[in-house]
Amino acid sequence: MRTLAAGIVIVCGSFLPSAAEGWARRGHDMVAQAASYNLGALNWGLRERSFDLEYYSNVPDMVWKADDTIYQAERVEHFVNLEIFQRETGGKKIPFDPDRKAFFEKFPKIQPAAGRAYWRVSELAEDLARVTKELRASDLSDKKKHHDLQARWFLIAGILSHYVGDLSMPLHVSENYDGQLTNQKGIHRHFEGDSVDQIFPEIASEVMRRTKAQWAAFHAKNKNKTVFNLMVDLGQDSFAKKEELLELDKTKGRDLKRASSQYKVLILDRLTKSSLYLSEIWVRNLDWKFDSDKFFHFSPKPEWLPPRIAVFQATPPAAPDQKSEQK
């Protein structure tokens, strides 16, 4: 794995903006939990293994980034700076292509530093669909194989949820990712981490309740969309909330006891949206039998699942060091 990671770093370069945790730990946990309980009736393994999914939702930040080699290649997969995509494609309506290679060959000036989260989610969803296909074909005659497939399913589903969560955070879809362009440096962490902590745990049950209440209508509207297009929609929805977040910071300040209540409405909106989009991806991969009998599989430090990065992304741009920022 390290050899592969090292090779990818050569491709991406080591001068890209850093990607840090979107929603910190609690936000990602709540997104995975809400989706698990929203769909639990369709496959009781989601409730049975909700903890696993919640844990895996934090693996990209809490486990993989501890390895600097992986971090250098992984970080651009957590965001998309849509202003850059708009400038380089010549308009607000970006002609996205789910094929990484095709899109970035057409727009080679959009460097990895602009982010790649849409493609990350779509590709992980393809991996999840392949595991789902094998699980659906399994008749449990080979219990070990079935359990191995189940373990793989939960791992990929949980890890995928991390990037969906990232895309629901307004500053993960903007080049003004930490308010640094509007003299609001530090807003990223204040909003997605400190403020969420301030209104936890009450907010967790509300995210779950709202997800369940909105699910039927959301699913009816989005069930025929591709995963890639779902992520484009989620990114645009988050981008539309960017100015609202920055304005709240300007007018309410950062005193946690006073400001967190002002952020609560927006935080609830974003976490609920994330869990709805995650539910839409998961629901397409649930028609298989969960077997809990002596199913003890759990991976505290899963191996990195590398993104599909090709040589055509080779030239890294010069960029300031953003390791301290929340992206």
Protein backbone atom coordinates (compact mmCIF):
# COMPACT_ATOMS: atom_id res chain seq x y z
CA MET A 1 0.00 0.00 0.00
CA ARG A 2 2.81 2.45 0.83
CA THR A 3 4.40 1.85 -2.55
CA LEU A 4 1.14 2.73 -4.27
CA ALA A 5 0.67 5.78 -2.08
CA ALA A 6 4.16 7.00 -2.78
CA GLY A 7 3.58 6.64 -6.50
CA ILE A 8 0.42 8.63 -6.33
CA VAL A 9 2.11 11.40 -4.41
CA ILE A 10 4.55 11.76 -7.28
CA VAL A 11 1.58 12.20 -9.57
CA CYS A 12 -0.23 14.72 -7.39
CA GLY A 13 2.74 16.61 -6.08
CA SER A 14 3.32 17.76 -2.54
CA PHE A 15 2.30 21.41 -2.85
CA LEU A 16 -1.45 21.06 -2.74
CA PRO A 17 -3.73 22.69 -0.18
CA SER A 18 -4.39 20.44 2.74
CA ALA A 19 -7.68 18.67 3.34
CA ALA A 20 -8.80 18.58 6.94
CA GLU A 21 -11.81 17.22 8.69
CA GLY A 22 -15.22 18.42 7.51
CA TRP A 23 -17.73 18.37 10.39
CA ALA A 24 -14.99 17.14 12.73
CA ARG A 25 -15.83 13.81 14.40
CA ARG A 26 -19.35 14.42 15.67
CA GLY A 27 -20.80 15.68 12.41
CA HIS A 28 -19.63 12.72 10.34
CA ASP A 29 -20.82 10.38 13.08
CA MET A 30 -24.30 11.92 13.10
CA VAL A 31 -24.65 11.72 9.31
CA ALA A 32 -23.82 8.00 9.27
CA GLN A 33 -26.02 7.32 12.30
CA ALA A 34 -29.05 9.11 10.86
CA ALA A 35 -28.75 7.25 7.56
CA SER A 36 -28.34 3.92 9.38
CA TYR A 37 -31.52 4.35 11.40
CA ASN A 38 -33.39 5.86 8.47
CA LEU A 39 -32.86 2.69 6.41
CA GLY A 40 -32.61 0.14 9.21
CA ALA A 41 -35.97 -1.42 8.40
CA LEU A 42 -34.71 -2.36 4.92
CA ASN A 43 -31.62 -4.15 6.22
CA TRP A 44 -31.34 -4.60 9.96
CA GLY A 45 -27.58 -4.88 9.63
CA LEU A 46 -27.49 -1.08 9.39
CA ARG A 47 -28.81 -0.74 12.93
CA GLU A 48 -26.87 -3.73 14.18
CA ARG A 49 -23.65 -2.24 12.83
CA SER A 50 -24.44 1.45 13.11
CA PHE A 51 -21.40 1.92 15.33
CA ASP A 52 -19.14 0.43 12.66
CA LEU A 53 -20.53 2.77 10.01
CA GLU A 54 -20.12 5.77 12.30
CA TYR A 55 -16.55 4.80 13.11
CA TYR A 56 -15.61 4.22 9.49
CA SER A 57 -17.11 7.59 8.57
CA ASN A 58 -14.21 9.19 10.43
CA VAL A 59 -11.46 6.92 9.11
CA PRO A 60 -10.35 9.24 6.26
CA ASP A 61 -9.57 11.99 8.78
CA MET A 62 -8.73 10.12 11.95
CA VAL A 63 -6.77 7.15 10.58
CA TRP A 64 -5.52 7.74 7.05
CA LYS A 65 -4.27 11.29 7.57
CA ALA A 66 -1.95 10.08 10.30
CA ASP A 67 0.22 8.72 7.48
CA ASP A 68 1.68 11.77 5.77
CA THR A 69 2.32 9.89 2.53
CA ILE A 70 -1.35 8.96 2.28
CA TYR A 71 -2.39 12.42 3.44
CA GLN A 72 -0.58 14.11 0.59
CA ALA A 73 -2.55 12.09 -1.98
CA GLU A 74 -5.83 11.88 -0.07
CA ARG A 75 -6.51 15.45 0.92
CA VAL A 76 -7.82 16.79 -2.41
CA GLU A 77 -10.55 14.14 -2.37
CA HIS A 78 -12.42 15.90 0.45
CA PHE A 79 -13.58 19.08 -1.28
CA VAL A 80 -14.29 20.92 -4.53
CA ASN A 81 -13.53 24.63 -4.90
CA LEU A 82 -16.40 25.45 -7.23
CA GLU A 83 -15.28 28.99 -8.02
CA ILE A 84 -12.17 27.53 -9.67
CA PHE A 85 -14.25 25.07 -11.69
CA GLN A 86 -16.51 27.93 -12.80
CA ARG A 87 -13.63 30.13 -13.91
CA GLU A 88 -11.82 27.40 -15.81
CA THR A 89 -14.93 26.06 -17.57
CA GLY A 90 -16.27 29.52 -18.40
CA GLY A 91 -19.56 29.68 -16.55
CA LYS A 92 -21.61 28.96 -13.45
CA LYS A 93 -23.10 25.82 -15.03
CA ILE A 94 -20.11 23.49 -15.00
CA PRO A 95 -20.19 20.70 -17.63
CA PHE A 96 -19.15 17.96 -15.23
CA ASP A 97 -18.26 14.49 -16.47
CA PRO A 98 -18.23 11.53 -14.04
CA ASP A 99 -15.18 10.20 -15.87
CA ARG A 100 -12.20 11.80 -14.12
CA LYS A 101 -9.86 11.32 -17.04
CA ALA A 102 -12.23 12.73 -19.64
CA PHE A 103 -13.15 15.79 -17.58
CA PHE A 104 -9.65 16.82 -16.55
CA GLU A 105 -8.20 16.18 -19.98
CA LYS A 106 -10.80 18.62 -21.28
CA PHE A 107 -10.04 21.14 -18.51
CA PRO A 108 -6.36 20.59 -17.65
CA LYS A 109 -6.03 23.92 -15.82
CA ILE A 110 -8.25 22.61 -13.01
CA GLN A 111 -5.44 21.26 -10.89
CA PRO A 112 -5.88 18.71 -8.08
CA ALA A 113 -5.68 21.62 -5.62
CA ALA A 114 -9.20 22.57 -6.75
CA GLY A 115 -10.56 19.36 -5.21
CA ARG A 116 -11.94 16.04 -6.43
CA ALA A 117 -14.68 15.04 -3.96
CA TYR A 118 -17.43 14.40 -6.54
CA TRP A 119 -15.35 11.72 -8.24
CA ARG A 120 -14.27 10.20 -4.94
CA VAL A 121 -17.85 9.52 -3.85
CA SER A 122 -18.91 8.22 -7.26
CA GLU A 123 -15.99 5.79 -7.46
CA LEU A 124 -16.51 4.50 -3.92
CA ALA A 125 -20.19 3.99 -4.75
CA GLU A 126 -19.11 1.83 -7.70
CA ASP A 127 -16.96 -0.23 -5.33
CA LEU A 128 -19.88 -0.58 -2.94
CA ALA A 129 -22.16 -1.72 -5.76
CA ARG A 130 -19.70 -4.47 -6.71
CA VAL A 131 -19.64 -5.81 -3.14
CA THR A 132 -23.43 -5.56 -3.00
CA LYS A 133 -23.73 -7.67 -6.14
CA GLU A 134 -21.65 -10.42 -4.56
CA LEU A 135 -23.65 -10.30 -1.34
CA ARG A 136 -26.92 -10.59 -3.22
CA ALA A 137 -25.60 -13.68 -4.98
CA SER A 138 -24.44 -15.28 -1.72
CA ASP A 139 -26.61 -18.05 -0.29
CA LEU A 140 -24.61 -18.17 2.98
CA SER A 141 -23.29 -21.63 2.14
CA ASP A 142 -19.82 -20.15 2.58
CA LYS A 143 -20.22 -18.24 5.83
CA LYS A 144 -16.66 -16.96 5.93
CA LYS A 145 -16.95 -15.48 2.44
CA HIS A 146 -20.31 -13.93 3.28
CA HIS A 147 -18.93 -12.38 6.46
CA ASP A 148 -15.89 -11.06 4.63
CA LEU A 149 -18.19 -9.44 2.08
CA GLN A 150 -20.37 -7.97 4.82
CA ALA A 151 -17.30 -6.51 6.50
CA ARG A 152 -16.18 -5.00 3.21
CA TRP A 153 -19.64 -3.55 2.61
CA PHE A 154 -19.74 -1.78 5.97
CA LEU A 155 -16.21 -0.48 5.53
CA ILE A 156 -16.83 1.05 2.09
CA ALA A 157 -20.29 2.35 3.02
CA GLY A 158 -18.93 4.06 6.13
CA ILE A 159 -15.90 5.54 4.41
CA LEU A 160 -18.05 6.79 1.54
CA SER A 161 -20.22 8.63 4.05
CA HIS A 162 -17.26 10.76 5.06
CA TYR A 163 -16.96 12.43 1.66
CA VAL A 164 -20.71 12.90 1.37
CA GLY A 165 -20.55 14.65 4.73
CA ASP A 166 -17.73 16.86 3.53
CA LEU A 167 -19.77 17.99 0.54
CA SER A 168 -22.66 19.09 2.74
CA MET A 169 -20.43 21.65 4.50
CA PRO A 170 -20.59 25.01 2.65
CA LEU A 171 -16.89 25.80 3.06
CA HIS A 172 -15.88 22.46 1.53
CA VAL A 173 -17.15 23.63 -1.84
CA SER A 174 -15.48 27.05 -1.89
CA GLU A 175 -11.97 28.40 -2.35
CA ASN A 176 -12.78 30.69 0.59
CA TYR A 177 -12.65 27.51 2.69
CA ASP A 178 -11.60 29.19 5.94
CA GLY A 179 -12.87 32.72 5.37
CA GLN A 180 -9.33 33.71 4.48
CA LEU A 181 -10.51 35.69 1.46
CA THR A 182 -13.00 37.75 3.50
CA ASN A 183 -10.94 38.35 6.66
CA GLN A 184 -12.81 35.61 8.52
CA LYS A 185 -10.00 33.17 9.11
CA GLY A 186 -10.92 30.35 11.49
CA ILE A 187 -14.62 30.18 10.61
CA HIS A 188 -14.28 26.66 9.19
CA ARG A 189 -13.39 25.00 12.47
CA HIS A 190 -15.67 27.26 14.49
CA PHE A 191 -18.71 26.27 12.43
CA GLU A 192 -18.15 22.59 11.73
CA GLY A 193 -16.47 21.60 14.97
CA ASP A 194 -16.81 23.95 17.95
CA SER A 195 -20.40 24.99 17.25
CA VAL A 196 -21.52 21.42 16.56
CA ASP A 197 -19.96 20.29 19.84
CA GLN A 198 -21.78 23.10 21.65
CA ILE A 199 -25.24 21.88 20.56
CA PHE A 200 -24.52 18.15 20.89
CA PRO A 201 -26.09 15.72 21.85
CA GLU A 202 -29.53 17.28 21.38
CA ILE A 203 -28.85 17.89 17.72
CA ALA A 204 -28.21 14.20 16.99
CA SER A 205 -31.79 13.09 17.57
CA GLU A 206 -33.07 16.06 15.58
CA VAL A 207 -30.94 15.16 12.55
CA MET A 208 -32.29 11.62 12.75
CA ARG A 209 -35.89 12.82 13.07
CA ARG A 210 -35.61 15.22 10.15
CA THR A 211 -33.97 12.63 7.94
CA LYS A 212 -36.79 10.19 8.50
CA ALA A 213 -39.44 12.88 7.99
CA GLN A 214 -37.96 14.08 4.68
CA TRP A 215 -36.80 10.75 3.30
CA ALA A 216 -39.86 9.65 1.29
CA ALA A 217 -40.10 12.89 -0.67
CA PHE A 218 -36.33 13.10 -1.15
CA HIS A 219 -36.08 9.54 -2.42
CA ALA A 220 -38.99 9.99 -4.84
CA LYS A 221 -37.29 13.04 -6.32
CA ASN A 222 -33.76 11.63 -6.54
CA LYS A 223 -34.01 7.85 -6.99
CA ASN A 224 -33.21 7.94 -10.70
CA LYS A 225 -30.17 10.22 -10.50
CA THR A 226 -26.64 8.87 -10.76
CA VAL A 227 -24.45 9.06 -7.67
CA PHE A 228 -22.19 11.54 -9.42
CA ASN A 229 -25.11 13.84 -10.23
CA LEU A 230 -26.35 13.51 -6.67
CA MET A 231 -23.01 14.82 -5.45
CA VAL A 232 -23.08 17.68 -7.93
CA ASP A 233 -26.52 18.59 -6.58
CA LEU A 234 -25.32 18.37 -2.98
CA GLY A 235 -22.30 20.53 -3.78
CA GLN A 236 -24.46 23.19 -5.41
CA ASP A 237 -26.88 23.11 -2.49
CA SER A 238 -23.99 23.68 -0.08
CA PHE A 239 -22.47 26.40 -2.27
CA ALA A 240 -25.77 28.29 -2.07
CA LYS A 241 -25.40 28.38 1.74
CA LYS A 242 -21.83 29.71 1.76
CA GLU A 243 -22.72 33.39 1.97
CA GLU A 244 -25.31 32.72 4.68
CA LEU A 245 -22.63 31.07 6.80
CA LEU A 246 -20.11 33.87 6.27
CA GLU A 247 -22.73 36.51 7.07
CA LEU A 248 -23.64 34.73 10.31
CA ASP A 249 -20.00 34.84 11.29
CA LYS A 250 -19.81 38.57 10.56
CA THR A 251 -22.97 39.47 12.47
CA LYS A 252 -22.99 36.97 15.35
CA GLY A 253 -19.31 36.61 16.16
CA ARG A 254 -17.68 33.57 17.69
CA ASP A 255 -18.72 33.49 21.31
CA LEU A 256 -19.87 29.88 21.48
CA LYS A 257 -22.67 30.37 24.00
CA ARG A 258 -24.14 33.18 21.95
CA ALA A 259 -23.31 32.19 18.39
CA SER A 260 -23.95 28.45 18.36
CA SER A 261 -27.69 28.93 18.63
CA GLN A 262 -27.46 31.12 15.54
CA TYR A 263 -25.68 28.39 13.60
CA LYS A 264 -28.04 25.65 14.75
CA VAL A 265 -30.57 26.08 11.93
CA LEU A 266 -27.87 25.94 9.27
CA ILE A 267 -26.05 23.03 10.93
CA LEU A 268 -29.26 21.01 11.11
CA ASP A 269 -30.01 21.77 7.48
CA ARG A 270 -26.58 20.66 6.27
CA LEU A 271 -26.31 17.49 8.36
CA THR A 272 -29.83 16.42 7.40
CA LYS A 273 -29.13 17.02 3.72
CA SER A 274 -25.98 14.95 4.02
CA SER A 275 -27.77 12.02 5.66
CA LEU A 276 -30.49 12.13 2.99
CA TYR A 277 -27.98 12.00 0.15
CA LEU A 278 -26.08 9.23 1.94
CA SER A 279 -29.33 7.30 2.42
CA GLU A 280 -30.00 7.58 -1.31
CA ILE A 281 -26.65 5.97 -2.10
CA TRP A 282 -27.00 3.25 0.52
CA VAL A 283 -30.60 2.34 -0.32
CA ARG A 284 -29.47 1.17 -3.76
CA ASN A 285 -27.20 -1.39 -2.10
CA LEU A 286 -29.32 -3.00 0.63
CA ASP A 287 -31.11 -5.98 -0.87
CA TRP A 288 -28.92 -8.69 0.70
CA LYS A 289 -29.15 -10.87 3.78
CA PHE A 290 -27.28 -9.72 6.87
CA ASP A 291 -25.91 -12.59 8.95
CA SER A 292 -24.96 -11.69 12.51
CA ASP A 293 -24.06 -15.18 13.69
CA LYS A 294 -20.48 -14.93 15.00
CA PHE A 295 -19.88 -11.90 12.82
CA PHE A 296 -17.05 -10.24 14.70
CA HIS A 297 -15.33 -8.40 11.85
CA PHE A 298 -14.16 -4.88 12.63
CA SER A 299 -11.15 -2.92 11.35
CA PRO A 300 -9.89 -0.17 13.67
CA LYS A 301 -7.20 0.87 11.19
CA PRO A 302 -8.39 -0.03 7.68
CA GLU A 303 -5.96 0.09 4.81
CA TRP A 304 -6.26 3.15 2.61
CA LEU A 305 -8.62 2.91 -0.34
CA PRO A 306 -6.76 4.98 -2.94
CA PRO A 307 -8.67 7.21 -5.34
CA ARG A 308 -8.38 6.68 -9.06
CA ILE A 309 -5.72 9.22 -9.92
CA ALA A 310 -4.03 9.15 -13.29
CA VAL A 311 -0.85 10.62 -14.73
CA PHE A 312 -2.75 13.33 -16.62
CA GLN A 313 -3.13 15.21 -13.31
CA ALA A 314 0.61 15.50 -12.99
CA THR A 315 1.54 19.18 -12.71
CA PRO A 316 1.01 20.54 -9.18
CA PRO A 317 0.42 24.28 -8.81
CA ALA A 318 2.34 26.42 -6.39
CA ALA A 319 0.09 27.01 -3.40
CA PRO A 320 0.44 28.44 0.10
CA ASP A 321 0.75 26.06 2.99
CA GLN A 322 -2.76 25.46 4.27
CA LYS A 323 -2.06 22.64 6.70
CA SER A 324 -3.55 24.56 9.60
CA GLU A 325 -6.85 25.13 7.83
CA GLN A 326 -9.92 22.98 8.10
CA LYS A 327 -10.27 21.30 4.76
